[in-house]
Amino acid sequence: MIGKISGRLDWRGSDNVLIDVRGVGYIVYVSDRTMAGLPGLGEAVSLYTDLLVREDLLQLFGFPTMLEKEWHKLLMTVQGVGAKASMAVLGTLGAEGVARAITLGDARAVQAAPGVGPKLAQRVILELKSKAPSLMAAGVSLSARAEADDVVIEAAAPAPAPRRAKADDGARQRASFTADALSALLNLGYSQGDAAQAVATVAGEEPGAETAHLIRRALKLLAPKT
């Protein structure tokens, strides 16, 4: 599977672009938001890609970051959300906006995407609310933008996690979990003070909690009291 494309931007369409990679042109479908951020014709461009395979069709969808690509894949796990609807949602809200809408249960924000009705927007919220924290936890490492290096790169298998040997590795790992959880909450719009207090409270009660769990528990603490 093609996981990333880098080359020269040769042509722009209404919802897709043509990228020339050493003489081979790839048509890549992108959201309105991604299209607006692309360079001019003839300039270097790089996008992470997801290949949609159907019986009579192959389509490449392009994303400026791995985080947005992973949100695209997660959105498409919702019944009724195809590639077109997913790209519309991401084009309207962006990766951070999608995370915020799902976490806060804001179906109206999702519904603002072209072609997404109220029932589908509500289904997105209900089906992804429990899955969003895990992807938000990985957001820090996935948010780097693709760099144009004029090659086609196949998606690499994830490297195995290194074994922890030293006693203080556990403390460093816990610090990393809390830092990533705090970063995710700040991206959702919470203040530094509120987010830090919520994460610290959960980390104090559950010292071994990983990032996704810290986010879930912190969000419950930050939820408006009724």
C-alpha atoms as a PDB file:
ATOM      1  CA  MET A   1       0.000   0.000   0.000  1.00  0.00           C
ATOM      2  CA  ILE A   2       1.216   3.501  -0.805  1.00  0.00           C
ATOM      3  CA  GLY A   3       1.507   5.323   2.505  1.00  0.00           C
ATOM      4  CA  LYS A   4       3.081   8.600   1.379  1.00  0.00           C
ATOM      5  CA  ILE A   5       3.611  10.450  -1.877  1.00  0.00           C
ATOM      6  CA  SER A   6       6.180  13.153  -2.532  1.00  0.00           C
ATOM      7  CA  GLY A   7       6.762  14.907  -5.823  1.00  0.00           C
ATOM      8  CA  ARG A   8       5.749  17.976  -7.827  1.00  0.00           C
ATOM      9  CA  LEU A   9       2.245  19.421  -7.838  1.00  0.00           C
ATOM     10  CA  ASP A  10       1.217  19.184 -11.484  1.00  0.00           C
ATOM     11  CA  TRP A  11      -2.496  20.008 -11.477  1.00  0.00           C
ATOM     12  CA  ARG A  12      -5.372  20.999  -9.185  1.00  0.00           C
ATOM     13  CA  GLY A  13      -8.983  19.879  -9.558  1.00  0.00           C
ATOM     14  CA  SER A  14     -12.039  20.644  -7.458  1.00  0.00           C
ATOM     15  CA  ASP A  15     -11.350  17.839  -4.960  1.00  0.00           C
ATOM     16  CA  ASN A  16      -8.162  16.180  -6.195  1.00  0.00           C
ATOM     17  CA  VAL A  17      -4.645  16.962  -7.355  1.00  0.00           C
ATOM     18  CA  LEU A  18      -2.139  15.363  -9.690  1.00  0.00           C
ATOM     19  CA  ILE A  19       1.303  14.777  -8.174  1.00  0.00           C
ATOM     20  CA  ASP A  20       4.174  13.948 -10.516  1.00  0.00           C
ATOM     21  CA  VAL A  21       6.574  11.504  -8.907  1.00  0.00           C
ATOM     22  CA  ARG A  22       9.572  11.052 -11.213  1.00  0.00           C
ATOM     23  CA  GLY A  23       7.424  10.954 -14.319  1.00  0.00           C
ATOM     24  CA  VAL A  24       4.481   9.028 -12.885  1.00  0.00           C
ATOM     25  CA  GLY A  25       1.336  11.025 -12.087  1.00  0.00           C
ATOM     26  CA  TYR A  26      -0.803  10.110  -9.066  1.00  0.00           C
ATOM     27  CA  ILE A  27      -4.312  11.485  -8.634  1.00  0.00           C
ATOM     28  CA  VAL A  28      -4.866  12.151  -4.927  1.00  0.00           C
ATOM     29  CA  TYR A  29      -8.181  13.260  -3.411  1.00  0.00           C
ATOM     30  CA  VAL A  30      -7.903  15.882  -0.675  1.00  0.00           C
ATOM     31  CA  SER A  31     -10.214  17.875   1.583  1.00  0.00           C
ATOM     32  CA  ASP A  32     -10.927  21.574   1.047  1.00  0.00           C
ATOM     33  CA  ARG A  33      -8.723  22.397   4.030  1.00  0.00           C
ATOM     34  CA  THR A  34      -5.801  20.382   2.674  1.00  0.00           C
ATOM     35  CA  MET A  35      -6.266  21.827  -0.819  1.00  0.00           C
ATOM     36  CA  ALA A  36      -6.036  25.362   0.569  1.00  0.00           C
ATOM     37  CA  GLY A  37      -2.731  24.570   2.263  1.00  0.00           C
ATOM     38  CA  LEU A  38      -0.973  23.079  -0.766  1.00  0.00           C
ATOM     39  CA  PRO A  39       1.829  24.949  -2.560  1.00  0.00           C
ATOM     40  CA  GLY A  40       1.607  26.368  -6.065  1.00  0.00           C
ATOM     41  CA  LEU A  41       1.771  24.355  -9.281  1.00  0.00           C
ATOM     42  CA  GLY A  42       5.248  23.066 -10.032  1.00  0.00           C
ATOM     43  CA  GLU A  43       6.323  23.173  -6.392  1.00  0.00           C
ATOM     44  CA  ALA A  44       7.319  20.247  -4.179  1.00  0.00           C
ATOM     45  CA  VAL A  45       4.504  18.602  -2.247  1.00  0.00           C
ATOM     46  CA  SER A  46       4.160  15.637   0.075  1.00  0.00           C
ATOM     47  CA  LEU A  47       1.076  13.935   1.487  1.00  0.00           C
ATOM     48  CA  TYR A  48       0.403  10.884   3.601  1.00  0.00           C
ATOM     49  CA  THR A  49      -2.045   8.691   1.721  1.00  0.00           C
ATOM     50  CA  ASP A  50      -4.739   6.100   2.286  1.00  0.00           C
ATOM     51  CA  LEU A  51      -5.676   3.761  -0.565  1.00  0.00           C
ATOM     52  CA  LEU A  52      -9.359   2.933  -0.999  1.00  0.00           C
ATOM     53  CA  VAL A  53      -9.813  -0.358  -2.870  1.00  0.00           C
ATOM     54  CA  ARG A  54     -13.127  -1.248  -4.465  1.00  0.00           C
ATOM     55  CA  GLU A  55     -14.052  -3.871  -7.023  1.00  0.00           C
ATOM     56  CA  ASP A  56     -13.878  -1.418  -9.914  1.00  0.00           C
ATOM     57  CA  LEU A  57     -11.992   1.500  -8.418  1.00  0.00           C
ATOM     58  CA  LEU A  58      -8.746   2.499  -6.717  1.00  0.00           C
ATOM     59  CA  GLN A  59      -8.585   5.937  -5.059  1.00  0.00           C
ATOM     60  CA  LEU A  60      -5.820   7.651  -3.124  1.00  0.00           C
ATOM     61  CA  PHE A  61      -6.761  10.120  -0.385  1.00  0.00           C
ATOM     62  CA  GLY A  62      -4.133  12.555   0.833  1.00  0.00           C
ATOM     63  CA  PHE A  63      -3.479  14.146   4.227  1.00  0.00           C
ATOM     64  CA  PRO A  64      -0.889  16.654   5.468  1.00  0.00           C
ATOM     65  CA  THR A  65      -0.308  14.719   8.725  1.00  0.00           C
ATOM     66  CA  MET A  66      -0.560  11.129   9.910  1.00  0.00           C
ATOM     67  CA  LEU A  67      -2.948  12.348  12.598  1.00  0.00           C
ATOM     68  CA  GLU A  68      -5.475  13.489   9.993  1.00  0.00           C
ATOM     69  CA  LYS A  69      -5.030  10.233   8.084  1.00  0.00           C
ATOM     70  CA  GLU A  70      -5.766   8.216  11.229  1.00  0.00           C
ATOM     71  CA  TRP A  71      -8.880  10.315  11.928  1.00  0.00           C
ATOM     72  CA  HIS A  72     -10.018   9.611   8.361  1.00  0.00           C
ATOM     73  CA  LYS A  73      -9.651   5.874   8.916  1.00  0.00           C
ATOM     74  CA  LEU A  74     -11.444   6.068  12.268  1.00  0.00           C
ATOM     75  CA  LEU A  75     -14.321   8.109  10.856  1.00  0.00           C
ATOM     76  CA  MET A  76     -14.859   5.511   8.143  1.00  0.00           C
ATOM     77  CA  THR A  77     -15.447   2.814  10.772  1.00  0.00           C
ATOM     78  CA  VAL A  78     -18.783   4.518  11.506  1.00  0.00           C
ATOM     79  CA  GLN A  79     -21.692   2.987   9.630  1.00  0.00           C
ATOM     80  CA  GLY A  80     -22.771   5.328   6.845  1.00  0.00           C
ATOM     81  CA  VAL A  81     -19.529   7.324   6.757  1.00  0.00           C
ATOM     82  CA  GLY A  82     -17.678   6.746   3.504  1.00  0.00           C
ATOM     83  CA  ALA A  83     -14.538   8.402   2.218  1.00  0.00           C
ATOM     84  CA  LYS A  84     -16.464  11.387   0.849  1.00  0.00           C
ATOM     85  CA  ALA A  85     -18.214  12.115   4.159  1.00  0.00           C
ATOM     86  CA  SER A  86     -15.011  11.618   6.130  1.00  0.00           C
ATOM     87  CA  MET A  87     -13.140  14.078   3.921  1.00  0.00           C
ATOM     88  CA  ALA A  88     -16.012  16.566   4.255  1.00  0.00           C
ATOM     89  CA  VAL A  89     -15.844  16.365   8.058  1.00  0.00           C
ATOM     90  CA  LEU A  90     -12.065  16.765   8.108  1.00  0.00           C
ATOM     91  CA  GLY A  91     -12.238  19.573   5.574  1.00  0.00           C
ATOM     92  CA  THR A  92     -14.708  21.438   7.770  1.00  0.00           C
ATOM     93  CA  LEU A  93     -13.236  20.792  11.216  1.00  0.00           C
ATOM     94  CA  GLY A  94      -9.657  19.586  10.797  1.00  0.00           C
ATOM     95  CA  ALA A  95      -8.198  16.812  12.948  1.00  0.00           C
ATOM     96  CA  GLU A  96      -8.234  18.874  16.152  1.00  0.00           C
ATOM     97  CA  GLY A  97     -11.776  20.067  15.493  1.00  0.00           C
ATOM     98  CA  VAL A  98     -13.014  16.517  14.987  1.00  0.00           C
ATOM     99  CA  ALA A  99     -11.390  15.463  18.262  1.00  0.00           C
ATOM    100  CA  ARG A 100     -12.986  18.390  20.071  1.00  0.00           C
ATOM    101  CA  ALA A 101     -16.465  17.776  18.613  1.00  0.00           C
ATOM    102  CA  ILE A 102     -16.455  14.062  19.425  1.00  0.00           C
ATOM    103  CA  THR A 103     -15.079  14.546  22.933  1.00  0.00           C
ATOM    104  CA  LEU A 104     -17.597  17.255  23.788  1.00  0.00           C
ATOM    105  CA  GLY A 105     -20.480  15.467  22.078  1.00  0.00           C
ATOM    106  CA  ASP A 106     -20.975  18.376  19.676  1.00  0.00           C
ATOM    107  CA  ALA A 107     -23.003  16.751  16.898  1.00  0.00           C
ATOM    108  CA  ARG A 108     -23.842  20.153  15.408  1.00  0.00           C
ATOM    109  CA  ALA A 109     -20.191  20.761  14.636  1.00  0.00           C
ATOM    110  CA  VAL A 110     -19.973  17.459  12.767  1.00  0.00           C
ATOM    111  CA  GLN A 111     -23.251  18.232  11.002  1.00  0.00           C
ATOM    112  CA  ALA A 112     -21.704  21.426   9.624  1.00  0.00           C
ATOM    113  CA  ALA A 113     -19.780  19.284   7.119  1.00  0.00           C
ATOM    114  CA  PRO A 114     -21.414  19.212   3.657  1.00  0.00           C
ATOM    115  CA  GLY A 115     -23.596  16.134   3.149  1.00  0.00           C
ATOM    116  CA  VAL A 116     -23.636  15.100   6.811  1.00  0.00           C
ATOM    117  CA  GLY A 117     -27.120  15.019   8.298  1.00  0.00           C
ATOM    118  CA  PRO A 118     -28.138  15.110  11.984  1.00  0.00           C
ATOM    119  CA  LYS A 119     -28.576  11.343  12.335  1.00  0.00           C
ATOM    120  CA  LEU A 120     -25.172  10.583  10.841  1.00  0.00           C
ATOM    121  CA  ALA A 121     -23.511  13.297  12.931  1.00  0.00           C
ATOM    122  CA  GLN A 122     -25.032  11.837  16.088  1.00  0.00           C
ATOM    123  CA  ARG A 123     -23.871   8.354  15.095  1.00  0.00           C
ATOM    124  CA  VAL A 124     -20.313   9.647  14.673  1.00  0.00           C
ATOM    125  CA  ILE A 125     -20.404  11.056  18.199  1.00  0.00           C
ATOM    126  CA  LEU A 126     -21.889   7.920  19.764  1.00  0.00           C
ATOM    127  CA  GLU A 127     -19.651   5.403  17.999  1.00  0.00           C
ATOM    128  CA  LEU A 128     -16.360   7.273  18.341  1.00  0.00           C
ATOM    129  CA  LYS A 129     -16.589   8.898  21.760  1.00  0.00           C
ATOM    130  CA  SER A 130     -14.949   5.919  23.460  1.00  0.00           C
ATOM    131  CA  LYS A 131     -12.320   5.538  20.717  1.00  0.00           C
ATOM    132  CA  ALA A 132     -11.276   9.185  20.406  1.00  0.00           C
ATOM    133  CA  PRO A 133      -9.002   9.381  23.500  1.00  0.00           C
ATOM    134  CA  SER A 134      -6.653   6.701  22.170  1.00  0.00           C
ATOM    135  CA  LEU A 135      -6.095   8.602  18.945  1.00  0.00           C
ATOM    136  CA  MET A 136      -5.835  11.902  20.823  1.00  0.00           C
ATOM    137  CA  ALA A 137      -3.140  10.318  22.978  1.00  0.00           C
ATOM    138  CA  ALA A 138      -1.139   9.508  19.862  1.00  0.00           C
ATOM    139  CA  GLY A 139      -1.713  12.976  18.422  1.00  0.00           C
ATOM    140  CA  VAL A 140       1.596  14.402  19.628  1.00  0.00           C
ATOM    141  CA  SER A 141       3.646  11.876  17.674  1.00  0.00           C
ATOM    142  CA  LEU A 142       1.369  11.908  14.602  1.00  0.00           C
ATOM    143  CA  SER A 143       1.004  15.648  14.081  1.00  0.00           C
ATOM    144  CA  ALA A 144       4.219  16.264  12.111  1.00  0.00           C
ATOM    145  CA  ARG A 145       3.580  17.350   8.525  1.00  0.00           C
ATOM    146  CA  ALA A 146       4.755  15.256   5.591  1.00  0.00           C
ATOM    147  CA  GLU A 147       8.008  16.512   4.074  1.00  0.00           C
ATOM    148  CA  ALA A 148       8.538  16.681   0.317  1.00  0.00           C
ATOM    149  CA  ASP A 149      11.443  14.391  -0.569  1.00  0.00           C
ATOM    150  CA  ASP A 150      10.331  13.423  -4.105  1.00  0.00           C
ATOM    151  CA  VAL A 151       9.868   9.712  -3.442  1.00  0.00           C
ATOM    152  CA  VAL A 152       7.010   7.298  -3.002  1.00  0.00           C
ATOM    153  CA  ILE A 153       7.261   5.630   0.370  1.00  0.00           C
ATOM    154  CA  GLU A 154       5.476   2.439   1.295  1.00  0.00           C
ATOM    155  CA  ALA A 155       3.837   2.418   4.703  1.00  0.00           C
ATOM    156  CA  ALA A 156       6.390   1.022   7.128  1.00  0.00           C
ATOM    157  CA  ALA A 157       5.597  -1.564   9.758  1.00  0.00           C
ATOM    158  CA  PRO A 158       5.669  -0.103  13.260  1.00  0.00           C
ATOM    159  CA  ALA A 159       8.903  -0.702  15.104  1.00  0.00           C
ATOM    160  CA  PRO A 160       8.671  -2.895  18.198  1.00  0.00           C
ATOM    161  CA  ALA A 161       8.604  -0.991  21.461  1.00  0.00           C
ATOM    162  CA  PRO A 162      11.969  -1.048  23.231  1.00  0.00           C
ATOM    163  CA  ARG A 163      12.185  -3.003  26.475  1.00  0.00           C
ATOM    164  CA  ARG A 164      12.564  -0.950  29.634  1.00  0.00           C
ATOM    165  CA  ALA A 165      15.513  -2.056  31.694  1.00  0.00           C
ATOM    166  CA  LYS A 166      16.241   0.718  34.175  1.00  0.00           C
ATOM    167  CA  ALA A 167      14.209   1.399  37.293  1.00  0.00           C
ATOM    168  CA  ASP A 168      13.696   5.060  36.458  1.00  0.00           C
ATOM    169  CA  ASP A 169      12.275   4.271  33.015  1.00  0.00           C
ATOM    170  CA  GLY A 170       8.858   3.818  34.617  1.00  0.00           C
ATOM    171  CA  ALA A 171       8.916   7.342  36.002  1.00  0.00           C
ATOM    172  CA  ARG A 172       9.937   8.792  32.652  1.00  0.00           C
ATOM    173  CA  GLN A 173       7.161   6.861  30.930  1.00  0.00           C
ATOM    174  CA  ARG A 174       4.552   8.104  33.413  1.00  0.00           C
ATOM    175  CA  ALA A 175       5.775  11.658  32.858  1.00  0.00           C
ATOM    176  CA  SER A 176       5.389  11.141  29.106  1.00  0.00           C
ATOM    177  CA  PHE A 177       1.827   9.849  29.580  1.00  0.00           C
ATOM    178  CA  THR A 178       0.808  12.882  31.635  1.00  0.00           C
ATOM    179  CA  ALA A 179       2.505  15.322  29.242  1.00  0.00           C
ATOM    180  CA  ASP A 180       0.716  13.809  26.236  1.00  0.00           C
ATOM    181  CA  ALA A 181      -2.623  13.824  28.069  1.00  0.00           C
ATOM    182  CA  LEU A 182      -2.143  17.468  29.026  1.00  0.00           C
ATOM    183  CA  SER A 183      -1.274  18.369  25.430  1.00  0.00           C
ATOM    184  CA  ALA A 184      -4.425  16.641  24.157  1.00  0.00           C
ATOM    185  CA  LEU A 185      -6.641  18.549  26.608  1.00  0.00           C
ATOM    186  CA  LEU A 186      -5.026  21.864  25.694  1.00  0.00           C
ATOM    187  CA  ASN A 187      -5.718  21.118  22.021  1.00  0.00           C
ATOM    188  CA  LEU A 188      -9.377  20.696  22.959  1.00  0.00           C
ATOM    189  CA  GLY A 189      -9.450  24.228  24.312  1.00  0.00           C
ATOM    190  CA  TYR A 190      -9.185  23.662  28.060  1.00  0.00           C
ATOM    191  CA  SER A 191      -7.086  26.144  30.009  1.00  0.00           C
ATOM    192  CA  GLN A 192      -3.602  25.191  31.188  1.00  0.00           C
ATOM    193  CA  GLY A 193      -4.666  25.351  34.838  1.00  0.00           C
ATOM    194  CA  ASP A 194      -7.833  23.277  34.510  1.00  0.00           C
ATOM    195  CA  ALA A 195      -6.217  20.683  32.277  1.00  0.00           C
ATOM    196  CA  ALA A 196      -3.114  20.325  34.455  1.00  0.00           C
ATOM    197  CA  GLN A 197      -5.194  19.968  37.626  1.00  0.00           C
ATOM    198  CA  ALA A 198      -7.433  17.299  36.092  1.00  0.00           C
ATOM    199  CA  VAL A 199      -4.517  15.276  34.737  1.00  0.00           C
ATOM    200  CA  ALA A 200      -2.608  15.567  38.005  1.00  0.00           C
ATOM    201  CA  THR A 201      -5.657  14.400  39.971  1.00  0.00           C
ATOM    202  CA  VAL A 202      -6.094  11.302  37.823  1.00  0.00           C
ATOM    203  CA  ALA A 203      -2.364  10.540  37.755  1.00  0.00           C
ATOM    204  CA  GLY A 204      -2.268  10.805  41.533  1.00  0.00           C
ATOM    205  CA  GLU A 205      -5.161   8.394  41.961  1.00  0.00           C
ATOM    206  CA  GLU A 206      -3.911   5.982  39.295  1.00  0.00           C
ATOM    207  CA  PRO A 207      -0.114   6.246  38.972  1.00  0.00           C
ATOM    208  CA  GLY A 208       0.080   3.556  36.297  1.00  0.00           C
ATOM    209  CA  ALA A 209      -2.558   5.060  33.992  1.00  0.00           C
ATOM    210  CA  GLU A 210      -1.557   5.470  30.362  1.00  0.00           C
ATOM    211  CA  THR A 211      -2.332   8.483  28.193  1.00  0.00           C
ATOM    212  CA  ALA A 212      -5.710   7.383  26.794  1.00  0.00           C
ATOM    213  CA  HIS A 213      -7.015   6.502  30.258  1.00  0.00           C
ATOM    214  CA  LEU A 214      -5.730   9.782  31.687  1.00  0.00           C
ATOM    215  CA  ILE A 215      -7.601  11.679  28.983  1.00  0.00           C
ATOM    216  CA  ARG A 216     -10.868   9.812  29.575  1.00  0.00           C
ATOM    217  CA  ARG A 217     -10.790  10.320  33.337  1.00  0.00           C
ATOM    218  CA  ALA A 218      -9.672  13.955  33.054  1.00  0.00           C
ATOM    219  CA  LEU A 219     -12.500  14.722  30.629  1.00  0.00           C
ATOM    220  CA  LYS A 220     -15.000  13.343  33.158  1.00  0.00           C
ATOM    221  CA  LEU A 221     -13.567  15.640  35.820  1.00  0.00           C
ATOM    222  CA  LEU A 222     -13.741  18.613  33.448  1.00  0.00           C
ATOM    223  CA  ALA A 223     -17.259  17.898  32.230  1.00  0.00           C
ATOM    224  CA  PRO A 224     -19.819  20.530  33.307  1.00  0.00           C
ATOM    225  CA  LYS A 225     -21.630  19.525  36.485  1.00  0.00           C
ATOM    226  CA  THR A 226     -25.393  19.203  36.089  1.00  0.00           C
END
